[in-house]
Amino acid sequence: MLVSERLRGGEDPWDFMEDLPSVDELVVFILRAENIAENGGARPSAARHYRVLRQIALDYPPLTPAVWRLLGDANTHRRWDANVGA
């Protein structure tokens, strides 16, 4: 879906493929979205965002590296990043 949307927008795949989230990052975002839905759909504060992602890392140890990448400042340039604009 992410690739199709960007292709329809006229972007060159060579320009954005490395900016796409990894499969593990997508799984973390799905789990985060489920948590947000369970909380009435309210966008979490920065503190709650941290706690939710940290809990995901505790509940799903193989996703821990992806969680810590998403919690870091290194990927805030990505348009799909939950930290952008937060």
PDB file of N, CA and C in Angstrom:
ATOM      1  N   MET A   1       0.816  -1.171   0.000  1.00  0.00           N
ATOM      2  CA  MET A   1       0.000   0.000   0.000  1.00  0.00           C
ATOM      3  C   MET A   1       0.875   1.257   0.000  1.00  0.00           C
ATOM      4  N   LEU A   2       1.904   1.266   0.833  1.00  0.00           N
ATOM      5  CA  LEU A   2       2.786   2.430   0.895  1.00  0.00           C
ATOM      6  C   LEU A   2       3.476   2.678  -0.439  1.00  0.00           C
ATOM      7  N   VAL A   3       3.913   1.602  -1.080  1.00  0.00           N
ATOM      8  CA  VAL A   3       4.586   1.730  -2.374  1.00  0.00           C
ATOM      9  C   VAL A   3       3.601   2.217  -3.430  1.00  0.00           C
ATOM     10  N   SER A   4       2.418   1.620  -3.471  1.00  0.00           N
ATOM     11  CA  SER A   4       1.409   2.015  -4.469  1.00  0.00           C
ATOM     12  C   SER A   4       1.041   3.483  -4.334  1.00  0.00           C
ATOM     13  N   GLU A   5       0.848   3.934  -3.108  1.00  0.00           N
ATOM     14  CA  GLU A   5       0.476   5.333  -2.880  1.00  0.00           C
ATOM     15  C   GLU A   5       1.557   6.288  -3.391  1.00  0.00           C
ATOM     16  N   ARG A   6       2.786   5.962  -3.120  1.00  0.00           N
ATOM     17  CA  ARG A   6       3.868   6.841  -3.546  1.00  0.00           C
ATOM     18  C   ARG A   6       4.088   6.774  -5.054  1.00  0.00           C
ATOM     19  N   LEU A   7       3.894   5.592  -5.656  1.00  0.00           N
ATOM     20  CA  LEU A   7       4.007   5.482  -7.106  1.00  0.00           C
ATOM     21  C   LEU A   7       2.912   6.283  -7.798  1.00  0.00           C
ATOM     22  N   ARG A   8       1.692   6.187  -7.260  1.00  0.00           N
ATOM     23  CA  ARG A   8       0.587   6.970  -7.837  1.00  0.00           C
ATOM     24  C   ARG A   8       0.831   8.462  -7.720  1.00  0.00           C
ATOM     25  N   GLY A   9       1.602   8.849  -6.711  1.00  0.00           N
ATOM     26  CA  GLY A   9       1.949  10.260  -6.535  1.00  0.00           C
ATOM     27  C   GLY A   9       3.069  10.717  -7.443  1.00  0.00           C
ATOM     28  N   GLY A  10       3.562   9.792  -8.283  1.00  0.00           N
ATOM     29  CA  GLY A  10       4.575  10.147  -9.267  1.00  0.00           C
ATOM     30  C   GLY A  10       6.011  10.037  -8.780  1.00  0.00           C
ATOM     31  N   GLU A  11       6.203   9.453  -7.612  1.00  0.00           N
ATOM     32  CA  GLU A  11       7.560   9.345  -7.085  1.00  0.00           C
ATOM     33  C   GLU A  11       8.311   8.182  -7.732  1.00  0.00           C
ATOM     34  N   ASP A  12       9.601   8.335  -7.822  1.00  0.00           N
ATOM     35  CA  ASP A  12      10.480   7.304  -8.358  1.00  0.00           C
ATOM     36  C   ASP A  12      10.824   6.330  -7.238  1.00  0.00           C
ATOM     37  N   PRO A  13      10.611   5.013  -7.443  1.00  0.00           N
ATOM     38  CA  PRO A  13      10.904   4.049  -6.379  1.00  0.00           C
ATOM     39  C   PRO A  13      12.348   4.110  -5.875  1.00  0.00           C
ATOM     40  N   TRP A  14      13.278   4.467  -6.728  1.00  0.00           N
ATOM     41  CA  TRP A  14      14.679   4.555  -6.290  1.00  0.00           C
ATOM     42  C   TRP A  14      14.856   5.661  -5.256  1.00  0.00           C
ATOM     43  N   ASP A  15      13.947   6.625  -5.244  1.00  0.00           N
ATOM     44  CA  ASP A  15      14.062   7.744  -4.309  1.00  0.00           C
ATOM     45  C   ASP A  15      13.480   7.445  -2.935  1.00  0.00           C
ATOM     46  N   PHE A  16      12.590   6.440  -2.823  1.00  0.00           N
ATOM     47  CA  PHE A  16      11.924   6.245  -1.534  1.00  0.00           C
ATOM     48  C   PHE A  16      12.001   4.836  -0.950  1.00  0.00           C
ATOM     49  N   MET A  17      12.484   3.860  -1.677  1.00  0.00           N
ATOM     50  CA  MET A  17      12.452   2.484  -1.176  1.00  0.00           C
ATOM     51  C   MET A  17      13.187   2.311   0.156  1.00  0.00           C
ATOM     52  N   GLU A  18      14.318   2.951   0.333  1.00  0.00           N
ATOM     53  CA  GLU A  18      15.042   2.770   1.588  1.00  0.00           C
ATOM     54  C   GLU A  18      14.396   3.534   2.746  1.00  0.00           C
ATOM     55  N   ASP A  19      13.454   4.426   2.452  1.00  0.00           N
ATOM     56  CA  ASP A  19      12.746   5.155   3.508  1.00  0.00           C
ATOM     57  C   ASP A  19      11.534   4.393   4.033  1.00  0.00           C
ATOM     58  N   LEU A  20      11.144   3.317   3.341  1.00  0.00           N
ATOM     59  CA  LEU A  20       9.968   2.557   3.770  1.00  0.00           C
ATOM     60  C   LEU A  20      10.261   1.794   5.052  1.00  0.00           C
ATOM     61  N   PRO A  21       9.250   1.598   5.881  1.00  0.00           N
ATOM     62  CA  PRO A  21       9.467   0.847   7.124  1.00  0.00           C
ATOM     63  C   PRO A  21       9.759  -0.620   6.846  1.00  0.00           C
ATOM     64  N   SER A  22      10.505  -1.227   7.756  1.00  0.00           N
ATOM     65  CA  SER A  22      10.768  -2.657   7.657  1.00  0.00           C
ATOM     66  C   SER A  22       9.499  -3.417   8.055  1.00  0.00           C
ATOM     67  N   VAL A  23       9.478  -4.705   7.807  1.00  0.00           N
ATOM     68  CA  VAL A  23       8.328  -5.526   8.201  1.00  0.00           C
ATOM     69  C   VAL A  23       8.140  -5.456   9.713  1.00  0.00           C
ATOM     70  N   ASP A  24       9.228  -5.533  10.468  1.00  0.00           N
ATOM     71  CA  ASP A  24       9.118  -5.453  11.922  1.00  0.00           C
ATOM     72  C   ASP A  24       8.558  -4.105  12.367  1.00  0.00           C
ATOM     73  N   GLU A  25       8.980  -3.023  11.721  1.00  0.00           N
ATOM     74  CA  GLU A  25       8.452  -1.702  12.057  1.00  0.00           C
ATOM     75  C   GLU A  25       6.955  -1.624  11.747  1.00  0.00           C
ATOM     76  N   LEU A  26       6.538  -2.216  10.633  1.00  0.00           N
ATOM     77  CA  LEU A  26       5.108  -2.242  10.317  1.00  0.00           C
ATOM     78  C   LEU A  26       4.319  -3.017  11.360  1.00  0.00           C
ATOM     79  N   VAL A  27       4.858  -4.137  11.827  1.00  0.00           N
ATOM     80  CA  VAL A  27       4.180  -4.918  12.868  1.00  0.00           C
ATOM     81  C   VAL A  27       4.053  -4.086  14.145  1.00  0.00           C
ATOM     82  N   VAL A  28       5.118  -3.373  14.508  1.00  0.00           N
ATOM     83  CA  VAL A  28       5.064  -2.521  15.698  1.00  0.00           C
ATOM     84  C   VAL A  28       3.987  -1.454  15.527  1.00  0.00           C
ATOM     85  N   PHE A  29       3.907  -0.846  14.349  1.00  0.00           N
ATOM     86  CA  PHE A  29       2.881   0.172  14.114  1.00  0.00           C
ATOM     87  C   PHE A  29       1.468  -0.412  14.168  1.00  0.00           C
ATOM     88  N   ILE A  30       1.296  -1.634  13.696  1.00  0.00           N
ATOM     89  CA  ILE A  30      -0.016  -2.289  13.777  1.00  0.00           C
ATOM     90  C   ILE A  30      -0.389  -2.522  15.239  1.00  0.00           C
ATOM     91  N   LEU A  31       0.555  -3.019  16.020  1.00  0.00           N
ATOM     92  CA  LEU A  31       0.294  -3.241  17.442  1.00  0.00           C
ATOM     93  C   LEU A  31       0.012  -1.924  18.156  1.00  0.00           C
ATOM     94  N   ARG A  32       0.734  -0.890  17.778  1.00  0.00           N
ATOM     95  CA  ARG A  32       0.499   0.436  18.365  1.00  0.00           C
ATOM     96  C   ARG A  32      -0.894   0.943  17.997  1.00  0.00           C
ATOM     97  N   ALA A  33      -1.279   0.748  16.746  1.00  0.00           N
ATOM     98  CA  ALA A  33      -2.605   1.181  16.299  1.00  0.00           C
ATOM     99  C   ALA A  33      -3.712   0.441  17.049  1.00  0.00           C
ATOM    100  N   GLU A  34      -3.508  -0.847  17.295  1.00  0.00           N
ATOM    101  CA  GLU A  34      -4.492  -1.612  18.066  1.00  0.00           C
ATOM    102  C   GLU A  34      -4.616  -1.051  19.476  1.00  0.00           C
ATOM    103  N   ASN A  35      -3.499  -0.665  20.063  1.00  0.00           N
ATOM    104  CA  ASN A  35      -3.524  -0.085  21.403  1.00  0.00           C
ATOM    105  C   ASN A  35      -4.252   1.248  21.396  1.00  0.00           C
ATOM    106  N   ILE A  36      -4.027   2.057  20.379  1.00  0.00           N
ATOM    107  CA  ILE A  36      -4.709   3.352  20.264  1.00  0.00           C
ATOM    108  C   ILE A  36      -6.216   3.133  20.118  1.00  0.00           C
ATOM    109  N   ALA A  37      -6.615   2.156  19.308  1.00  0.00           N
ATOM    110  CA  ALA A  37      -8.039   1.859  19.121  1.00  0.00           C
ATOM    111  C   ALA A  37      -8.678   1.410  20.432  1.00  0.00           C
ATOM    112  N   GLU A  38      -7.953   0.602  21.209  1.00  0.00           N
ATOM    113  CA  GLU A  38      -8.466   0.145  22.506  1.00  0.00           C
ATOM    114  C   GLU A  38      -8.601   1.294  23.496  1.00  0.00           C
ATOM    115  N   ASN A  39      -7.866   2.366  23.264  1.00  0.00           N
ATOM    116  CA  ASN A  39      -7.894   3.536  24.146  1.00  0.00           C
ATOM    117  C   ASN A  39      -8.841   4.610  23.611  1.00  0.00           C
ATOM    118  N   GLY A  40      -9.811   4.212  22.819  1.00  0.00           N
ATOM    119  CA  GLY A  40     -10.794   5.155  22.296  1.00  0.00           C
ATOM    120  C   GLY A  40     -10.332   5.953  21.098  1.00  0.00           C
ATOM    121  N   GLY A  41      -9.197   5.593  20.507  1.00  0.00           N
ATOM    122  CA  GLY A  41      -8.725   6.263  19.308  1.00  0.00           C
ATOM    123  C   GLY A  41      -7.981   7.554  19.541  1.00  0.00           C
ATOM    124  N   ALA A  42      -7.766   7.919  20.792  1.00  0.00           N
ATOM    125  CA  ALA A  42      -7.062   9.161  21.094  1.00  0.00           C
ATOM    126  C   ALA A  42      -5.575   9.016  20.777  1.00  0.00           C
ATOM    127  N   ARG A  43      -5.037   9.993  20.064  1.00  0.00           N
ATOM    128  CA  ARG A  43      -3.606   9.969  19.736  1.00  0.00           C
ATOM    129  C   ARG A  43      -2.819  10.075  21.038  1.00  0.00           C
ATOM    130  N   PRO A  44      -1.853   9.175  21.252  1.00  0.00           N
ATOM    131  CA  PRO A  44      -1.119   9.181  22.514  1.00  0.00           C
ATOM    132  C   PRO A  44      -0.154  10.354  22.633  1.00  0.00           C
ATOM    133  N   SER A  45       0.066  10.776  23.872  1.00  0.00           N
ATOM    134  CA  SER A  45       1.089  11.787  24.139  1.00  0.00           C
ATOM    135  C   SER A  45       2.451  11.140  23.893  1.00  0.00           C
ATOM    136  N   ALA A  46       3.485  11.944  23.924  1.00  0.00           N
ATOM    137  CA  ALA A  46       4.843  11.410  23.719  1.00  0.00           C
ATOM    138  C   ALA A  46       5.179  10.385  24.800  1.00  0.00           C
ATOM    139  N   ALA A  47       4.774  10.645  26.033  1.00  0.00           N
ATOM    140  CA  ALA A  47       5.052   9.708  27.129  1.00  0.00           C
ATOM    141  C   ALA A  47       4.295   8.399  26.934  1.00  0.00           C
ATOM    142  N   ARG A  48       3.037   8.495  26.527  1.00  0.00           N
ATOM    143  CA  ARG A  48       2.252   7.275  26.317  1.00  0.00           C
ATOM    144  C   ARG A  48       2.781   6.504  25.108  1.00  0.00           C
ATOM    145  N   HIS A  49       3.160   7.219  24.069  1.00  0.00           N
ATOM    146  CA  HIS A  49       3.760   6.593  22.880  1.00  0.00           C
ATOM    147  C   HIS A  49       4.980   5.765  23.298  1.00  0.00           C
ATOM    148  N   TYR A  50       5.831   6.348  24.137  1.00  0.00           N
ATOM    149  CA  TYR A  50       7.014   5.642  24.626  1.00  0.00           C
ATOM    150  C   TYR A  50       6.610   4.395  25.417  1.00  0.00           C
ATOM    151  N   ARG A  51       5.647   4.547  26.336  1.00  0.00           N
ATOM    152  CA  ARG A  51       5.226   3.407  27.167  1.00  0.00           C
ATOM    153  C   ARG A  51       4.623   2.293  26.322  1.00  0.00           C
ATOM    154  N   VAL A  52       3.806   2.654  25.335  1.00  0.00           N
ATOM    155  CA  VAL A  52       3.173   1.646  24.479  1.00  0.00           C
ATOM    156  C   VAL A  52       4.237   0.883  23.689  1.00  0.00           C
ATOM    157  N   LEU A  53       5.167   1.613  23.075  1.00  0.00           N
ATOM    158  CA  LEU A  53       6.202   0.933  22.300  1.00  0.00           C
ATOM    159  C   LEU A  53       7.109   0.097  23.196  1.00  0.00           C
ATOM    160  N   ARG A  54       7.407   0.598  24.381  1.00  0.00           N
ATOM    161  CA  ARG A  54       8.231  -0.174  25.312  1.00  0.00           C
ATOM    162  C   ARG A  54       7.513  -1.458  25.726  1.00  0.00           C
ATOM    163  N   GLN A  55       6.201  -1.373  25.937  1.00  0.00           N
ATOM    164  CA  GLN A  55       5.433  -2.569  26.299  1.00  0.00           C
ATOM    165  C   GLN A  55       5.413  -3.569  25.144  1.00  0.00           C
ATOM    166  N   ILE A  56       5.343  -3.069  23.917  1.00  0.00           N
ATOM    167  CA  ILE A  56       5.407  -3.961  22.754  1.00  0.00           C
ATOM    168  C   ILE A  56       6.741  -4.706  22.755  1.00  0.00           C
ATOM    169  N   ALA A  57       7.821  -3.997  23.048  1.00  0.00           N
ATOM    170  CA  ALA A  57       9.143  -4.638  23.092  1.00  0.00           C
ATOM    171  C   ALA A  57       9.198  -5.706  24.181  1.00  0.00           C
ATOM    172  N   LEU A  58       8.555  -5.440  25.318  1.00  0.00           N
ATOM    173  CA  LEU A  58       8.535  -6.420  26.403  1.00  0.00           C
ATOM    174  C   LEU A  58       7.679  -7.631  26.049  1.00  0.00           C
ATOM    175  N   ASP A  59       6.547  -7.384  25.385  1.00  0.00           N
ATOM    176  CA  ASP A  59       5.626  -8.464  25.024  1.00  0.00           C
ATOM    177  C   ASP A  59       6.120  -9.297  23.840  1.00  0.00           C
ATOM    178  N   TYR A  60       6.864  -8.676  22.941  1.00  0.00           N
ATOM    179  CA  TYR A  60       7.339  -9.339  21.722  1.00  0.00           C
ATOM    180  C   TYR A  60       8.847  -9.093  21.581  1.00  0.00           C
ATOM    181  N   PRO A  61       9.673  -9.816  22.329  1.00  0.00           N
ATOM    182  CA  PRO A  61      11.127  -9.569  22.326  1.00  0.00           C
ATOM    183  C   PRO A  61      11.779  -9.504  20.939  1.00  0.00           C
ATOM    184  N   PRO A  62      11.360 -10.311  19.955  1.00  0.00           N
ATOM    185  CA  PRO A  62      12.012 -10.186  18.642  1.00  0.00           C
ATOM    186  C   PRO A  62      11.803  -8.810  17.980  1.00  0.00           C
ATOM    187  N   LEU A  63      10.784  -8.061  18.428  1.00  0.00           N
ATOM    188  CA  LEU A  63      10.533  -6.740  17.852  1.00  0.00           C
ATOM    189  C   LEU A  63      11.299  -5.623  18.562  1.00  0.00           C
ATOM    190  N   THR A  64      12.047  -5.968  19.599  1.00  0.00           N
ATOM    191  CA  THR A  64      12.748  -4.961  20.388  1.00  0.00           C
ATOM    192  C   THR A  64      13.651  -4.050  19.546  1.00  0.00           C
ATOM    193  N   PRO A  65      14.482  -4.579  18.637  1.00  0.00           N
ATOM    194  CA  PRO A  65      15.311  -3.660  17.830  1.00  0.00           C
ATOM    195  C   PRO A  65      14.470  -2.667  17.009  1.00  0.00           C
ATOM    196  N   ALA A  66      13.366  -3.119  16.464  1.00  0.00           N
ATOM    197  CA  ALA A  66      12.496  -2.215  15.689  1.00  0.00           C
ATOM    198  C   ALA A  66      11.880  -1.154  16.588  1.00  0.00           C
ATOM    199  N   VAL A  67      11.461  -1.552  17.778  1.00  0.00           N
ATOM    200  CA  VAL A  67      10.872  -0.593  18.722  1.00  0.00           C
ATOM    201  C   VAL A  67      11.886   0.492  19.057  1.00  0.00           C
ATOM    202  N   TRP A  68      13.106   0.104  19.380  1.00  0.00           N
ATOM    203  CA  TRP A  68      14.102   1.104  19.759  1.00  0.00           C
ATOM    204  C   TRP A  68      14.473   1.995  18.583  1.00  0.00           C
ATOM    205  N   ARG A  69      14.465   1.456  17.360  1.00  0.00           N
ATOM    206  CA  ARG A  69      14.693   2.312  16.179  1.00  0.00           C
ATOM    207  C   ARG A  69      13.575   3.343  16.064  1.00  0.00           C
ATOM    208  N   LEU A  70      12.336   2.916  16.303  1.00  0.00           N
ATOM    209  CA  LEU A  70      11.202   3.824  16.176  1.00  0.00           C
ATOM    210  C   LEU A  70      11.159   4.849  17.306  1.00  0.00           C
ATOM    211  N   LEU A  71      11.720   4.510  18.440  1.00  0.00           N
ATOM    212  CA  LEU A  71      11.767   5.459  19.553  1.00  0.00           C
ATOM    213  C   LEU A  71      12.894   6.469  19.403  1.00  0.00           C
ATOM    214  N   GLY A  72      13.884   6.164  18.586  1.00  0.00           N
ATOM    215  CA  GLY A  72      15.019   7.058  18.413  1.00  0.00           C
ATOM    216  C   GLY A  72      14.701   8.230  17.516  1.00  0.00           C
ATOM    217  N   ASP A  73      15.604   9.170  17.475  1.00  0.00           N
ATOM    218  CA  ASP A  73      15.444  10.363  16.635  1.00  0.00           C
ATOM    219  C   ASP A  73      15.927  10.143  15.214  1.00  0.00           C
ATOM    220  N   ALA A  74      16.569   9.004  14.961  1.00  0.00           N
ATOM    221  CA  ALA A  74      17.233   8.787  13.677  1.00  0.00           C
ATOM    222  C   ALA A  74      16.270   8.679  12.506  1.00  0.00           C
ATOM    223  N   ASN A  75      14.999   8.344  12.720  1.00  0.00           N
ATOM    224  CA  ASN A  75      14.105   8.105  11.587  1.00  0.00           C
ATOM    225  C   ASN A  75      12.987   9.129  11.465  1.00  0.00           C
ATOM    226  N   THR A  76      13.083  10.266  12.110  1.00  0.00           N
ATOM    227  CA  THR A  76      11.984  11.217  12.088  1.00  0.00           C
ATOM    228  C   THR A  76      11.803  11.892  10.730  1.00  0.00           C
ATOM    229  N   HIS A  77      12.702  11.647   9.774  1.00  0.00           N
ATOM    230  CA  HIS A  77      12.539  12.207   8.434  1.00  0.00           C
ATOM    231  C   HIS A  77      11.513  11.417   7.615  1.00  0.00           C
ATOM    232  N   ARG A  78      11.173  10.214   8.089  1.00  0.00           N
ATOM    233  CA  ARG A  78      10.257   9.366   7.331  1.00  0.00           C
ATOM    234  C   ARG A  78       8.832   9.878   7.471  1.00  0.00           C
ATOM    235  N   ARG A  79       8.143  10.008   6.358  1.00  0.00           N
ATOM    236  CA  ARG A  79       6.787  10.554   6.368  1.00  0.00           C
ATOM    237  C   ARG A  79       5.819   9.673   7.131  1.00  0.00           C
ATOM    238  N   TRP A  80       6.062   8.360   7.208  1.00  0.00           N
ATOM    239  CA  TRP A  80       5.155   7.457   7.889  1.00  0.00           C
ATOM    240  C   TRP A  80       5.442   7.368   9.374  1.00  0.00           C
ATOM    241  N   ASP A  81       6.498   8.024   9.829  1.00  0.00           N
ATOM    242  CA  ASP A  81       6.925   7.933  11.221  1.00  0.00           C
ATOM    243  C   ASP A  81       5.920   8.622  12.136  1.00  0.00           C
ATOM    244  N   ALA A  82       5.533   7.938  13.191  1.00  0.00           N
ATOM    245  CA  ALA A  82       4.576   8.504  14.148  1.00  0.00           C
ATOM    246  C   ALA A  82       5.133   9.710  14.875  1.00  0.00           C
ATOM    247  N   ASN A  83       6.452   9.880  14.912  1.00  0.00           N
ATOM    248  CA  ASN A  83       7.056  11.000  15.612  1.00  0.00           C
ATOM    249  C   ASN A  83       7.033  12.289  14.792  1.00  0.00           C
ATOM    250  N   VAL A  84       6.832  12.185  13.496  1.00  0.00           N
ATOM    251  CA  VAL A  84       6.848  13.364  12.645  1.00  0.00           C
ATOM    252  C   VAL A  84       5.659  14.238  13.016  1.00  0.00           C
ATOM    253  N   GLY A  85       5.937  15.479  13.309  1.00  0.00           N
ATOM    254  CA  GLY A  85       4.886  16.421  13.663  1.00  0.00           C
ATOM    255  C   GLY A  85       4.396  16.294  15.086  1.00  0.00           C
ATOM    256  N   ALA A  86       4.947  15.367  15.843  1.00  0.00           N
ATOM    257  CA  ALA A  86       4.496  15.185  17.233  1.00  0.00           C
ATOM    258  C   ALA A  86       5.146  16.212  18.132  1.00  0.00           C
TER     259      ALA A  86
END
